[in-house]
Amino acid sequence: MNDAIPLLGPDDHEFWMTQALREAERAAGDGEVPVGAVIVHNSMAIGRGYNRTEGLKDATAHAEILAIGAASETLGDWRLEDCTIYVTLEPCPMCAGAIVQARIPLLVYAAPDPKAGACGTLYNIVDDPRLNHRVKVLSGVMEEESAALLNSFFRHLRKSEESES
C-alpha cells in the first residue's frame, strides 16, 4: 500500500512526527497517556492535539479528535481532503472512524497499538472497502521514539501506583 502514498520525503515525515511527539510530551506532562497528533495542509500545521481525556473528563478527547476539530476550524470545513495526519500511536476505532469521516487521505503513525489499534493491528477501519472513504497509511515513522515515551509514561505510572499501595 505504501507505493501509492504521496511521500513528501522521509525528512518531512520525521519533522511532522517530531511535532506530534511534542504534543505527546505535553500530554505526559499533564498526566495523560502521551499521544499527540498534528494535521498538515500545504506544508503548514493547521491542527494539533494531545490526549486530554483525564483533564477534560471526556472519553472523546483523544489527540486525533482534538486535532481534527482544530484543523476543521482553521480551514472552515469538516472535509480535510488535502491533509495528512501525524499521530504518535496507531488510532483507536473512534479516532480511525473520525479520520475516515474527515476525509483525510493520509495517516502517518509512529507506534502500533496492540490493544486498540484500528488501522491495521486489530481492525482496519481506515481501509475498509464498505466505507465511503479510505485512508492510505504509513506506519513506523519514529516508532522507537514514540514507544519509548509511552513505555516511560506507563513505567512511571506503575511505580506511582505501587508506592501508593
N, C-alpha and C. Protein backbone atom coordinates (compact mmCIF):
# COMPACT_ATOMS: atom_id res chain seq x y z
N MET A 1 0.82 -1.19 0.00
CA MET A 1 0.00 0.00 0.00
C MET A 1 0.87 1.26 0.00
N ASN A 2 2.06 1.21 0.58
CA ASN A 2 2.90 2.40 0.70
C ASN A 2 3.35 2.96 -0.64
N ASP A 3 3.33 2.18 -1.73
CA ASP A 3 3.78 2.69 -3.01
C ASP A 3 2.87 3.79 -3.56
N ALA A 4 1.63 3.86 -3.13
CA ALA A 4 0.70 4.87 -3.63
C ALA A 4 0.63 6.10 -2.73
N ILE A 5 1.44 6.14 -1.67
CA ILE A 5 1.40 7.26 -0.74
C ILE A 5 2.21 8.43 -1.30
N PRO A 6 1.61 9.61 -1.35
CA PRO A 6 2.34 10.77 -1.86
C PRO A 6 3.37 11.24 -0.82
N LEU A 7 4.56 10.68 -0.89
CA LEU A 7 5.58 10.97 0.10
C LEU A 7 6.17 12.36 -0.12
N LEU A 8 6.33 13.08 0.96
CA LEU A 8 6.99 14.38 0.92
C LEU A 8 8.49 14.19 1.06
N GLY A 9 8.90 13.01 1.48
CA GLY A 9 10.30 12.71 1.79
C GLY A 9 10.40 12.33 3.24
N PRO A 10 11.31 11.43 3.57
CA PRO A 10 11.39 10.96 4.96
C PRO A 10 11.68 12.07 5.96
N ASP A 11 12.45 13.08 5.53
CA ASP A 11 12.74 14.17 6.46
C ASP A 11 11.48 14.92 6.83
N ASP A 12 10.59 15.12 5.87
CA ASP A 12 9.34 15.82 6.16
C ASP A 12 8.47 15.01 7.11
N HIS A 13 8.35 13.72 6.87
CA HIS A 13 7.54 12.89 7.77
C HIS A 13 8.13 12.90 9.17
N GLU A 14 9.43 12.84 9.27
CA GLU A 14 10.06 12.88 10.60
C GLU A 14 9.89 14.26 11.25
N PHE A 15 9.95 15.31 10.46
CA PHE A 15 9.74 16.66 11.01
C PHE A 15 8.36 16.75 11.64
N TRP A 16 7.33 16.32 10.90
CA TRP A 16 5.97 16.44 11.42
C TRP A 16 5.70 15.46 12.55
N MET A 17 6.31 14.28 12.50
CA MET A 17 6.14 13.34 13.61
C MET A 17 6.82 13.88 14.87
N THR A 18 7.92 14.59 14.69
CA THR A 18 8.56 15.24 15.85
C THR A 18 7.60 16.24 16.48
N GLN A 19 6.86 16.95 15.65
CA GLN A 19 5.86 17.90 16.17
C GLN A 19 4.76 17.15 16.94
N ALA A 20 4.34 16.01 16.41
CA ALA A 20 3.33 15.20 17.11
C ALA A 20 3.89 14.67 18.43
N LEU A 21 5.16 14.29 18.44
CA LEU A 21 5.78 13.83 19.69
C LEU A 21 5.83 14.94 20.73
N ARG A 22 6.02 16.16 20.29
CA ARG A 22 5.99 17.30 21.24
C ARG A 22 4.60 17.43 21.87
N GLU A 23 3.57 17.21 21.07
CA GLU A 23 2.21 17.21 21.62
C GLU A 23 2.05 16.08 22.63
N ALA A 24 2.59 14.91 22.30
CA ALA A 24 2.51 13.76 23.22
C ALA A 24 3.22 14.06 24.53
N GLU A 25 4.33 14.76 24.46
CA GLU A 25 5.05 15.15 25.68
C GLU A 25 4.21 16.10 26.53
N ARG A 26 3.44 16.95 25.89
CA ARG A 26 2.53 17.83 26.63
C ARG A 26 1.51 16.99 27.40
N ALA A 27 0.99 15.96 26.73
CA ALA A 27 0.03 15.06 27.37
C ALA A 27 0.67 14.41 28.59
N ALA A 28 1.87 13.87 28.42
CA ALA A 28 2.56 13.21 29.54
C ALA A 28 2.77 14.18 30.69
N GLY A 29 3.12 15.43 30.37
CA GLY A 29 3.30 16.45 31.40
C GLY A 29 2.04 16.73 32.19
N ASP A 30 0.89 16.49 31.57
CA ASP A 30 -0.39 16.67 32.24
C ASP A 30 -0.92 15.39 32.87
N GLY A 31 -0.10 14.32 32.85
CA GLY A 31 -0.54 13.05 33.41
C GLY A 31 -1.46 12.26 32.50
N GLU A 32 -1.50 12.62 31.23
CA GLU A 32 -2.33 11.93 30.25
C GLU A 32 -1.49 10.91 29.49
N VAL A 33 -2.12 9.90 28.92
CA VAL A 33 -1.41 8.96 28.07
C VAL A 33 -0.78 9.78 26.95
N PRO A 34 0.54 9.64 26.74
CA PRO A 34 1.24 10.51 25.80
C PRO A 34 1.02 10.17 24.33
N VAL A 35 -0.05 10.71 23.80
CA VAL A 35 -0.35 10.59 22.38
C VAL A 35 -0.55 12.00 21.85
N GLY A 36 0.07 12.28 20.71
CA GLY A 36 -0.05 13.59 20.09
C GLY A 36 -0.39 13.44 18.62
N ALA A 37 -1.00 14.49 18.07
CA ALA A 37 -1.38 14.48 16.66
C ALA A 37 -1.19 15.87 16.08
N VAL A 38 -0.79 15.89 14.81
CA VAL A 38 -0.65 17.14 14.05
C VAL A 38 -1.24 16.90 12.67
N ILE A 39 -2.04 17.85 12.20
CA ILE A 39 -2.60 17.78 10.85
C ILE A 39 -1.94 18.84 10.00
N VAL A 40 -1.46 18.42 8.84
CA VAL A 40 -0.70 19.28 7.94
C VAL A 40 -1.47 19.49 6.64
N HIS A 41 -1.49 20.74 6.19
CA HIS A 41 -2.13 21.12 4.92
C HIS A 41 -1.21 22.14 4.25
N ASN A 42 -0.82 21.88 3.01
CA ASN A 42 0.08 22.79 2.28
C ASN A 42 1.33 23.13 3.09
N SER A 43 1.94 22.11 3.66
CA SER A 43 3.19 22.23 4.42
C SER A 43 3.06 23.11 5.67
N MET A 44 1.84 23.25 6.19
CA MET A 44 1.62 24.02 7.41
C MET A 44 0.79 23.20 8.38
N ALA A 45 1.12 23.28 9.66
CA ALA A 45 0.31 22.63 10.70
C ALA A 45 -0.96 23.46 10.88
N ILE A 46 -2.10 22.81 10.68
CA ILE A 46 -3.38 23.53 10.80
C ILE A 46 -4.21 23.02 11.97
N GLY A 47 -3.75 21.95 12.61
CA GLY A 47 -4.46 21.40 13.76
C GLY A 47 -3.52 20.56 14.59
N ARG A 48 -3.58 20.73 15.88
CA ARG A 48 -2.75 19.97 16.81
C ARG A 48 -3.63 19.49 17.95
N GLY A 49 -3.22 18.39 18.55
CA GLY A 49 -3.94 17.90 19.71
C GLY A 49 -3.11 16.90 20.47
N TYR A 50 -3.42 16.78 21.74
CA TYR A 50 -2.81 15.75 22.57
C TYR A 50 -3.90 15.22 23.48
N ASN A 51 -3.70 14.00 23.97
CA ASN A 51 -4.73 13.38 24.80
C ASN A 51 -5.07 14.28 25.98
N ARG A 52 -6.37 14.46 26.22
CA ARG A 52 -6.84 15.30 27.33
C ARG A 52 -8.05 14.67 28.00
N THR A 53 -8.19 13.35 27.89
CA THR A 53 -9.37 12.68 28.43
C THR A 53 -9.52 12.88 29.93
N GLU A 54 -8.42 12.79 30.66
CA GLU A 54 -8.49 12.96 32.12
C GLU A 54 -8.79 14.41 32.49
N GLY A 55 -8.06 15.32 31.88
CA GLY A 55 -8.22 16.74 32.21
C GLY A 55 -9.58 17.29 31.85
N LEU A 56 -10.11 16.88 30.71
CA LEU A 56 -11.41 17.36 30.28
C LEU A 56 -12.56 16.48 30.75
N LYS A 57 -12.22 15.33 31.34
CA LYS A 57 -13.24 14.35 31.78
C LYS A 57 -14.15 14.00 30.60
N ASP A 58 -13.50 13.69 29.47
CA ASP A 58 -14.21 13.45 28.21
C ASP A 58 -13.56 12.29 27.48
N ALA A 59 -14.28 11.20 27.34
CA ALA A 59 -13.75 10.00 26.68
C ALA A 59 -13.37 10.25 25.23
N THR A 60 -13.94 11.28 24.61
CA THR A 60 -13.63 11.56 23.21
C THR A 60 -12.46 12.53 23.03
N ALA A 61 -11.85 12.98 24.08
CA ALA A 61 -10.79 13.99 23.99
C ALA A 61 -9.43 13.36 23.66
N HIS A 62 -9.42 12.54 22.60
CA HIS A 62 -8.18 11.95 22.12
C HIS A 62 -7.45 12.97 21.24
N ALA A 63 -6.16 12.79 21.10
CA ALA A 63 -5.33 13.70 20.32
C ALA A 63 -5.87 13.91 18.91
N GLU A 64 -6.25 12.81 18.25
CA GLU A 64 -6.72 12.91 16.87
C GLU A 64 -8.01 13.70 16.76
N ILE A 65 -8.93 13.46 17.67
CA ILE A 65 -10.23 14.16 17.65
C ILE A 65 -10.02 15.66 17.85
N LEU A 66 -9.16 16.02 18.79
CA LEU A 66 -8.89 17.43 19.05
C LEU A 66 -8.18 18.09 17.87
N ALA A 67 -7.26 17.36 17.26
CA ALA A 67 -6.54 17.90 16.09
C ALA A 67 -7.49 18.07 14.90
N ILE A 68 -8.39 17.12 14.70
CA ILE A 68 -9.37 17.22 13.61
C ILE A 68 -10.27 18.43 13.83
N GLY A 69 -10.72 18.62 15.06
CA GLY A 69 -11.55 19.79 15.35
C GLY A 69 -10.82 21.09 15.08
N ALA A 70 -9.56 21.16 15.50
CA ALA A 70 -8.77 22.38 15.28
C ALA A 70 -8.53 22.61 13.79
N ALA A 71 -8.22 21.55 13.04
CA ALA A 71 -7.97 21.68 11.60
C ALA A 71 -9.24 22.10 10.87
N SER A 72 -10.36 21.53 11.25
CA SER A 72 -11.64 21.89 10.63
C SER A 72 -11.96 23.35 10.88
N GLU A 73 -11.69 23.81 12.08
CA GLU A 73 -11.91 25.22 12.40
C GLU A 73 -10.99 26.12 11.57
N THR A 74 -9.73 25.72 11.45
CA THR A 74 -8.77 26.51 10.67
C THR A 74 -9.19 26.62 9.20
N LEU A 75 -9.60 25.49 8.61
CA LEU A 75 -9.99 25.50 7.20
C LEU A 75 -11.43 25.96 6.97
N GLY A 76 -12.23 25.97 8.03
CA GLY A 76 -13.64 26.32 7.87
C GLY A 76 -14.41 25.25 7.12
N ASP A 77 -13.99 23.99 7.28
CA ASP A 77 -14.63 22.88 6.58
C ASP A 77 -14.37 21.60 7.36
N TRP A 78 -15.33 20.71 7.38
CA TRP A 78 -15.13 19.43 8.06
C TRP A 78 -14.37 18.45 7.17
N ARG A 79 -14.33 18.73 5.87
CA ARG A 79 -13.60 17.87 4.94
C ARG A 79 -12.13 18.29 4.92
N LEU A 80 -11.27 17.38 5.30
CA LEU A 80 -9.83 17.66 5.35
C LEU A 80 -9.14 16.87 4.24
N GLU A 81 -9.64 17.06 3.03
CA GLU A 81 -9.26 16.22 1.89
C GLU A 81 -7.82 16.37 1.44
N ASP A 82 -7.18 17.46 1.65
CA ASP A 82 -5.80 17.66 1.21
C ASP A 82 -4.84 17.68 2.39
N CYS A 83 -5.14 16.93 3.40
CA CYS A 83 -4.36 16.97 4.64
C CYS A 83 -3.70 15.62 4.94
N THR A 84 -2.71 15.68 5.78
CA THR A 84 -2.07 14.49 6.34
C THR A 84 -2.14 14.60 7.84
N ILE A 85 -2.49 13.50 8.50
CA ILE A 85 -2.49 13.49 9.97
C ILE A 85 -1.32 12.63 10.44
N TYR A 86 -0.55 13.19 11.37
CA TYR A 86 0.57 12.51 12.00
C TYR A 86 0.17 12.21 13.44
N VAL A 87 0.29 10.95 13.84
CA VAL A 87 -0.12 10.53 15.18
C VAL A 87 0.97 9.64 15.76
N THR A 88 1.25 9.81 17.04
CA THR A 88 2.33 9.06 17.67
C THR A 88 1.97 7.61 17.99
N LEU A 89 0.68 7.30 18.03
CA LEU A 89 0.22 5.94 18.31
C LEU A 89 -0.91 5.60 17.34
N GLU A 90 -0.92 4.38 16.88
CA GLU A 90 -1.97 3.93 15.96
C GLU A 90 -3.36 4.29 16.51
N PRO A 91 -4.19 4.95 15.73
CA PRO A 91 -5.51 5.36 16.20
C PRO A 91 -6.41 4.20 16.61
N CYS A 92 -7.24 4.48 17.61
CA CYS A 92 -8.25 3.54 18.10
C CYS A 92 -9.44 3.54 17.14
N PRO A 93 -10.44 2.68 17.35
CA PRO A 93 -11.61 2.67 16.45
C PRO A 93 -12.32 4.02 16.35
N MET A 94 -12.48 4.73 17.45
CA MET A 94 -13.16 6.03 17.40
C MET A 94 -12.38 7.01 16.53
N CYS A 95 -11.09 7.08 16.75
CA CYS A 95 -10.27 8.04 16.01
C CYS A 95 -10.11 7.64 14.55
N ALA A 96 -9.98 6.34 14.30
CA ALA A 96 -9.90 5.87 12.91
C ALA A 96 -11.18 6.25 12.17
N GLY A 97 -12.32 6.08 12.83
CA GLY A 97 -13.59 6.47 12.22
C GLY A 97 -13.65 7.96 11.95
N ALA A 98 -13.14 8.76 12.87
CA ALA A 98 -13.14 10.22 12.68
C ALA A 98 -12.23 10.61 11.52
N ILE A 99 -11.11 9.93 11.38
CA ILE A 99 -10.19 10.21 10.26
C ILE A 99 -10.88 9.90 8.94
N VAL A 100 -11.60 8.78 8.89
CA VAL A 100 -12.35 8.43 7.68
C VAL A 100 -13.43 9.49 7.41
N GLN A 101 -14.19 9.84 8.43
CA GLN A 101 -15.27 10.81 8.25
C GLN A 101 -14.77 12.17 7.83
N ALA A 102 -13.57 12.56 8.28
CA ALA A 102 -12.99 13.85 7.92
C ALA A 102 -12.38 13.84 6.52
N ARG A 103 -12.37 12.66 5.89
CA ARG A 103 -11.85 12.50 4.52
C ARG A 103 -10.35 12.77 4.42
N ILE A 104 -9.63 12.53 5.50
CA ILE A 104 -8.17 12.71 5.48
C ILE A 104 -7.57 11.59 4.62
N PRO A 105 -6.80 11.93 3.59
CA PRO A 105 -6.31 10.90 2.68
C PRO A 105 -5.09 10.12 3.18
N LEU A 106 -4.29 10.70 4.09
CA LEU A 106 -3.07 10.03 4.52
C LEU A 106 -2.90 10.11 6.03
N LEU A 107 -2.70 8.96 6.63
CA LEU A 107 -2.41 8.83 8.06
C LEU A 107 -0.98 8.32 8.19
N VAL A 108 -0.17 9.03 8.97
CA VAL A 108 1.18 8.59 9.29
C VAL A 108 1.22 8.40 10.80
N TYR A 109 1.51 7.18 11.24
CA TYR A 109 1.61 6.97 12.68
C TYR A 109 2.93 6.32 13.04
N ALA A 110 3.31 6.50 14.30
CA ALA A 110 4.60 6.01 14.78
C ALA A 110 4.51 4.57 15.24
N ALA A 111 3.88 4.34 16.39
CA ALA A 111 3.87 3.02 17.02
C ALA A 111 2.53 2.32 16.85
N PRO A 112 2.55 1.02 16.63
CA PRO A 112 1.30 0.27 16.59
C PRO A 112 0.71 0.15 17.99
N ASP A 113 -0.60 -0.05 18.05
CA ASP A 113 -1.27 -0.23 19.34
C ASP A 113 -1.89 -1.63 19.38
N PRO A 114 -1.20 -2.58 20.05
CA PRO A 114 -1.70 -3.96 20.06
C PRO A 114 -3.00 -4.14 20.85
N LYS A 115 -3.39 -3.15 21.65
CA LYS A 115 -4.61 -3.28 22.45
C LYS A 115 -5.82 -2.60 21.84
N ALA A 116 -5.61 -1.58 21.00
CA ALA A 116 -6.75 -0.85 20.45
C ALA A 116 -6.54 -0.36 19.03
N GLY A 117 -5.48 -0.77 18.38
CA GLY A 117 -5.16 -0.26 17.04
C GLY A 117 -6.20 -0.62 16.00
N ALA A 118 -6.71 0.39 15.31
CA ALA A 118 -7.77 0.18 14.33
C ALA A 118 -7.35 0.60 12.93
N CYS A 119 -6.04 0.60 12.69
CA CYS A 119 -5.51 0.98 11.38
C CYS A 119 -4.57 -0.09 10.85
N GLY A 120 -4.92 -1.34 11.16
CA GLY A 120 -4.15 -2.46 10.67
C GLY A 120 -3.79 -3.50 11.71
N THR A 121 -3.76 -3.12 12.98
CA THR A 121 -3.34 -4.07 14.00
C THR A 121 -4.49 -4.99 14.43
N LEU A 122 -5.51 -4.44 15.08
CA LEU A 122 -6.68 -5.25 15.48
C LEU A 122 -7.79 -5.17 14.45
N TYR A 123 -7.99 -3.98 13.93
CA TYR A 123 -9.01 -3.70 12.93
C TYR A 123 -8.33 -2.91 11.82
N ASN A 124 -9.04 -2.70 10.73
CA ASN A 124 -8.50 -1.83 9.69
C ASN A 124 -9.63 -0.94 9.15
N ILE A 125 -10.14 -0.11 10.04
CA ILE A 125 -11.26 0.77 9.71
C ILE A 125 -10.90 1.72 8.57
N VAL A 126 -9.68 2.22 8.56
CA VAL A 126 -9.29 3.22 7.56
C VAL A 126 -9.19 2.65 6.14
N ASP A 127 -9.17 1.33 6.01
CA ASP A 127 -9.07 0.72 4.69
C ASP A 127 -10.22 -0.26 4.44
N ASP A 128 -11.34 -0.03 5.09
CA ASP A 128 -12.50 -0.92 4.93
C ASP A 128 -13.25 -0.53 3.66
N PRO A 129 -13.33 -1.42 2.68
CA PRO A 129 -13.98 -1.08 1.42
C PRO A 129 -15.49 -0.82 1.54
N ARG A 130 -16.08 -1.18 2.67
CA ARG A 130 -17.50 -0.93 2.86
C ARG A 130 -17.79 0.52 3.22
N LEU A 131 -16.77 1.27 3.60
CA LEU A 131 -16.95 2.68 3.96
C LEU A 131 -16.78 3.57 2.73
N ASN A 132 -17.25 4.81 2.85
CA ASN A 132 -17.25 5.71 1.70
C ASN A 132 -15.90 6.38 1.44
N HIS A 133 -14.95 6.22 2.31
CA HIS A 133 -13.63 6.84 2.14
C HIS A 133 -12.59 5.89 2.70
N ARG A 134 -11.46 5.83 2.06
CA ARG A 134 -10.36 5.00 2.55
C ARG A 134 -9.13 5.87 2.71
N VAL A 135 -8.31 5.51 3.67
CA VAL A 135 -7.15 6.30 4.05
C VAL A 135 -5.89 5.48 3.78
N LYS A 136 -4.92 6.10 3.17
CA LYS A 136 -3.62 5.46 3.00
C LYS A 136 -2.87 5.59 4.32
N VAL A 137 -2.07 4.57 4.65
CA VAL A 137 -1.38 4.53 5.94
C VAL A 137 0.11 4.32 5.73
N LEU A 138 0.88 5.11 6.45
CA LEU A 138 2.32 4.92 6.55
C LEU A 138 2.61 4.77 8.04
N SER A 139 3.12 3.61 8.43
CA SER A 139 3.36 3.37 9.86
C SER A 139 4.85 3.22 10.13
N GLY A 140 5.20 3.35 11.41
CA GLY A 140 6.57 3.12 11.84
C GLY A 140 7.48 4.34 11.78
N VAL A 141 6.95 5.51 11.43
CA VAL A 141 7.78 6.72 11.39
C VAL A 141 8.07 7.15 12.83
N MET A 142 9.33 7.06 13.22
CA MET A 142 9.78 7.40 14.58
C MET A 142 9.11 6.51 15.63
N GLU A 143 8.91 5.26 15.27
CA GLU A 143 8.27 4.30 16.16
C GLU A 143 9.02 4.14 17.47
N GLU A 144 10.34 4.05 17.42
CA GLU A 144 11.13 3.84 18.65
C GLU A 144 10.96 4.99 19.63
N GLU A 145 10.96 6.22 19.12
CA GLU A 145 10.82 7.39 19.99
C GLU A 145 9.44 7.41 20.65
N SER A 146 8.42 7.11 19.89
CA SER A 146 7.07 7.09 20.43
C SER A 146 6.90 5.97 21.45
N ALA A 147 7.39 4.79 21.11
CA ALA A 147 7.28 3.65 22.04
C ALA A 147 8.04 3.93 23.33
N ALA A 148 9.20 4.57 23.22
CA ALA A 148 9.98 4.90 24.42
C ALA A 148 9.21 5.87 25.33
N LEU A 149 8.55 6.86 24.73
CA LEU A 149 7.76 7.81 25.51
C LEU A 149 6.60 7.11 26.21
N LEU A 150 5.90 6.25 25.48
CA LEU A 150 4.78 5.50 26.07
C LEU A 150 5.27 4.57 27.18
N ASN A 151 6.35 3.83 26.92
CA ASN A 151 6.88 2.91 27.93
C ASN A 151 7.32 3.64 29.18
N SER A 152 7.97 4.76 29.02
CA SER A 152 8.42 5.56 30.17
C SER A 152 7.22 6.05 30.98
N PHE A 153 6.19 6.52 30.30
CA PHE A 153 4.99 7.00 30.97
C PHE A 153 4.35 5.89 31.81
N PHE A 154 4.15 4.72 31.20
CA PHE A 154 3.48 3.64 31.92
C PHE A 154 4.36 3.05 33.02
N ARG A 155 5.67 3.04 32.82
CA ARG A 155 6.58 2.58 33.87
C ARG A 155 6.48 3.51 35.08
N HIS A 156 6.49 4.81 34.82
CA HIS A 156 6.36 5.80 35.89
C HIS A 156 5.00 5.68 36.59
N LEU A 157 3.94 5.47 35.82
CA LEU A 157 2.60 5.31 36.38
C LEU A 157 2.52 4.10 37.29
N ARG A 158 3.11 2.98 36.85
CA ARG A 158 3.10 1.77 37.69
C ARG A 158 3.88 1.98 38.97
N LYS A 159 5.02 2.67 38.89
CA LYS A 159 5.80 2.94 40.10
C LYS A 159 5.01 3.82 41.07
N SER A 160 4.31 4.81 40.54
CA SER A 160 3.50 5.69 41.38
C SER A 160 2.38 4.91 42.06
N GLU A 161 1.74 4.02 41.31
CA GLU A 161 0.65 3.20 41.87
C GLU A 161 1.18 2.24 42.93
N GLU A 162 2.37 1.69 42.72
CA GLU A 162 2.97 0.77 43.71
C GLU A 162 3.32 1.49 45.00
N SER A 163 3.83 2.73 44.88
CA SER A 163 4.20 3.46 46.07
C SER A 163 3.00 3.94 46.87
N GLU A 164 1.84 4.06 46.21
CA GLU A 164 0.63 4.46 46.90
C GLU A 164 -0.02 3.29 47.64
N SER A 165 0.31 2.04 47.23
CA SER A 165 -0.32 0.88 47.85
C SER A 165 0.32 0.51 49.15
